[in-house]
């Protein structure tokens, strides 16, 4: 009797979704806010040497302050 080769079974676990690519419309790029915030309630954005804070409110609005 020949020995049989036992291969591991493919995982049934789902792989995480790849990051969303920005949607390009002409010269503009659309990014989902979830990609910017990555689960946080706020982030800091540096623009032209100044810091801005982008915050998500509990009502789903975005606020950008300097």
N, C-alpha and C. Protein backbone atom coordinates (compact mmCIF):
# COMPACT_ATOMS: atom_id res chain seq x y z
N UNK A 1 0.85 -1.17 0.00
CA UNK A 1 0.00 0.00 0.00
C UNK A 1 0.90 1.24 0.00
N UNK A 2 0.59 2.22 -0.87
CA UNK A 2 1.37 3.44 -0.96
C UNK A 2 0.97 4.39 0.17
N UNK A 3 1.94 5.08 0.75
CA UNK A 3 1.58 6.09 1.75
C UNK A 3 0.87 7.26 1.07
N UNK A 4 -0.09 7.83 1.75
CA UNK A 4 -0.82 8.97 1.18
C UNK A 4 -0.31 10.26 1.81
N UNK A 5 -0.33 11.28 1.01
CA UNK A 5 0.11 12.59 1.46
C UNK A 5 -1.10 13.34 2.00
N UNK A 6 -1.01 13.79 3.23
CA UNK A 6 -2.12 14.50 3.84
C UNK A 6 -1.85 16.00 3.78
N UNK A 7 -2.69 16.72 3.05
CA UNK A 7 -2.55 18.17 2.94
C UNK A 7 -3.53 18.85 3.88
N UNK A 8 -3.13 19.99 4.44
CA UNK A 8 -4.06 20.70 5.32
C UNK A 8 -5.26 21.19 4.53
N UNK A 9 -6.41 21.18 5.16
CA UNK A 9 -7.62 21.67 4.52
C UNK A 9 -7.59 23.19 4.45
N UNK A 10 -8.16 23.74 3.42
CA UNK A 10 -8.22 25.22 3.34
C UNK A 10 -9.05 25.76 4.51
N UNK A 11 -8.62 26.88 5.00
CA UNK A 11 -9.32 27.51 6.13
C UNK A 11 -10.69 27.98 5.69
N UNK A 12 -11.66 27.78 6.57
CA UNK A 12 -13.00 28.28 6.28
C UNK A 12 -13.21 29.68 6.83
N UNK A 13 -12.20 30.17 7.57
CA UNK A 13 -12.30 31.53 8.11
C UNK A 13 -12.24 32.52 6.96
N UNK A 14 -13.01 33.58 7.08
CA UNK A 14 -13.01 34.59 6.02
C UNK A 14 -11.81 35.51 6.19
N UNK A 15 -11.21 35.85 5.08
CA UNK A 15 -10.10 36.78 5.10
C UNK A 15 -10.65 38.19 5.25
N UNK A 16 -9.90 39.07 5.92
CA UNK A 16 -10.38 40.45 6.03
C UNK A 16 -10.46 41.09 4.66
N UNK A 17 -11.41 42.01 4.51
CA UNK A 17 -11.54 42.71 3.24
C UNK A 17 -10.33 43.60 3.03
N UNK A 18 -9.85 43.69 1.79
CA UNK A 18 -8.73 44.60 1.54
C UNK A 18 -9.19 46.04 1.75
N UNK A 19 -8.25 46.93 2.08
CA UNK A 19 -8.64 48.33 2.29
C UNK A 19 -9.30 48.87 1.03
N UNK A 20 -10.28 49.74 1.23
CA UNK A 20 -10.96 50.33 0.10
C UNK A 20 -10.02 51.29 -0.62
N UNK A 21 -10.03 51.18 -1.93
CA UNK A 21 -9.24 52.11 -2.73
C UNK A 21 -10.06 53.38 -2.92
N UNK A 22 -9.39 54.53 -2.93
CA UNK A 22 -10.13 55.77 -3.14
C UNK A 22 -10.83 55.75 -4.50
N UNK A 23 -12.01 56.33 -4.55
CA UNK A 23 -12.73 56.44 -5.82
C UNK A 23 -12.26 57.73 -6.48
N UNK A 24 -11.77 57.61 -7.69
CA UNK A 24 -11.23 58.77 -8.39
C UNK A 24 -12.28 59.30 -9.35
N UNK A 25 -12.65 60.55 -9.17
CA UNK A 25 -13.60 61.23 -10.05
C UNK A 25 -12.91 62.45 -10.61
N UNK A 26 -12.43 62.37 -11.84
CA UNK A 26 -11.68 63.48 -12.41
C UNK A 26 -10.41 63.68 -11.62
N UNK A 27 -10.22 64.86 -11.08
CA UNK A 27 -9.04 65.16 -10.26
C UNK A 27 -9.32 64.96 -8.77
N UNK A 28 -10.58 64.71 -8.40
CA UNK A 28 -10.94 64.56 -6.99
C UNK A 28 -10.86 63.09 -6.58
N UNK A 29 -10.56 62.87 -5.31
CA UNK A 29 -10.54 61.53 -4.74
C UNK A 29 -11.54 61.50 -3.60
N UNK A 30 -12.38 60.48 -3.57
CA UNK A 30 -13.35 60.32 -2.49
C UNK A 30 -12.88 59.22 -1.56
N UNK A 31 -12.73 59.56 -0.28
CA UNK A 31 -12.33 58.60 0.75
C UNK A 31 -13.47 58.46 1.75
N UNK A 32 -13.78 57.24 2.16
CA UNK A 32 -14.78 57.09 3.22
C UNK A 32 -14.21 57.61 4.54
N UNK A 33 -15.04 58.26 5.35
CA UNK A 33 -14.57 58.81 6.62
C UNK A 33 -14.01 57.71 7.52
N UNK A 34 -14.54 56.49 7.38
CA UNK A 34 -14.04 55.38 8.21
C UNK A 34 -12.58 55.09 7.92
N UNK A 35 -12.15 55.34 6.69
CA UNK A 35 -10.74 55.12 6.34
C UNK A 35 -9.86 56.18 7.01
N UNK A 36 -10.36 57.39 7.11
CA UNK A 36 -9.59 58.44 7.77
C UNK A 36 -9.56 58.23 9.29
N UNK A 37 -10.72 57.97 9.87
CA UNK A 37 -10.82 57.87 11.33
C UNK A 37 -10.34 56.52 11.87
N UNK A 38 -10.48 55.45 11.11
CA UNK A 38 -10.03 54.11 11.51
C UNK A 38 -10.49 53.74 12.91
N UNK A 39 -11.78 53.95 13.18
CA UNK A 39 -12.34 53.56 14.47
C UNK A 39 -12.20 54.58 15.58
N UNK A 40 -11.48 55.66 15.32
CA UNK A 40 -11.31 56.70 16.34
C UNK A 40 -12.44 57.72 16.22
N UNK A 41 -12.61 58.53 17.26
CA UNK A 41 -13.61 59.59 17.21
C UNK A 41 -13.03 60.88 16.62
N UNK A 42 -11.69 61.02 16.67
CA UNK A 42 -11.08 62.21 16.10
C UNK A 42 -9.65 61.90 15.64
N UNK A 43 -9.20 62.71 14.69
CA UNK A 43 -7.81 62.63 14.21
C UNK A 43 -7.30 64.04 14.01
N UNK A 44 -5.98 64.18 13.97
CA UNK A 44 -5.37 65.47 13.67
C UNK A 44 -4.84 65.42 12.24
N UNK A 45 -5.03 66.51 11.54
CA UNK A 45 -4.58 66.65 10.15
C UNK A 45 -3.66 67.85 10.09
N UNK A 46 -2.47 67.64 9.55
CA UNK A 46 -1.56 68.76 9.35
C UNK A 46 -1.76 69.29 7.94
N UNK A 47 -1.94 70.60 7.83
CA UNK A 47 -2.13 71.23 6.53
C UNK A 47 -1.43 72.58 6.52
N UNK A 48 -0.46 72.73 5.62
CA UNK A 48 0.31 73.98 5.50
C UNK A 48 0.89 74.43 6.83
N UNK A 49 1.40 73.49 7.61
CA UNK A 49 2.05 73.82 8.87
C UNK A 49 1.10 74.03 10.05
N UNK A 50 -0.20 73.95 9.83
CA UNK A 50 -1.18 74.12 10.91
C UNK A 50 -1.84 72.79 11.20
N UNK A 51 -2.22 72.58 12.47
CA UNK A 51 -2.92 71.35 12.86
C UNK A 51 -4.42 71.60 12.92
N UNK A 52 -5.16 70.67 12.36
CA UNK A 52 -6.61 70.70 12.40
C UNK A 52 -7.09 69.41 13.06
N UNK A 53 -8.26 69.47 13.67
CA UNK A 53 -8.84 68.27 14.28
C UNK A 53 -10.13 67.94 13.54
N UNK A 54 -10.22 66.69 13.06
CA UNK A 54 -11.44 66.20 12.44
C UNK A 54 -12.13 65.29 13.44
N UNK A 55 -13.36 65.65 13.83
CA UNK A 55 -14.10 64.88 14.84
C UNK A 55 -15.41 64.38 14.27
N UNK A 56 -15.79 63.17 14.68
CA UNK A 56 -17.11 62.63 14.35
C UNK A 56 -18.00 62.80 15.57
N UNK A 57 -19.18 63.35 15.36
CA UNK A 57 -20.12 63.55 16.47
C UNK A 57 -20.94 62.29 16.68
N UNK A 58 -21.64 62.24 17.80
CA UNK A 58 -22.48 61.08 18.08
C UNK A 58 -23.68 61.03 17.14
N UNK A 59 -23.94 62.12 16.42
CA UNK A 59 -25.04 62.16 15.47
C UNK A 59 -24.58 61.87 14.04
N UNK A 60 -23.29 61.49 13.89
CA UNK A 60 -22.79 61.12 12.58
C UNK A 60 -22.32 62.27 11.71
N UNK A 61 -22.16 63.43 12.29
CA UNK A 61 -21.64 64.60 11.55
C UNK A 61 -20.14 64.68 11.73
N UNK A 62 -19.47 65.39 10.81
CA UNK A 62 -18.03 65.63 10.93
C UNK A 62 -17.80 67.10 11.20
N UNK A 63 -16.86 67.40 12.10
CA UNK A 63 -16.50 68.77 12.44
C UNK A 63 -14.99 68.91 12.26
N UNK A 64 -14.58 69.91 11.49
CA UNK A 64 -13.16 70.21 11.29
C UNK A 64 -12.86 71.53 11.96
N UNK A 65 -11.93 71.52 12.92
CA UNK A 65 -11.57 72.75 13.64
C UNK A 65 -10.06 72.94 13.58
N UNK A 66 -9.65 74.20 13.69
CA UNK A 66 -8.22 74.53 13.68
C UNK A 66 -7.73 74.61 15.11
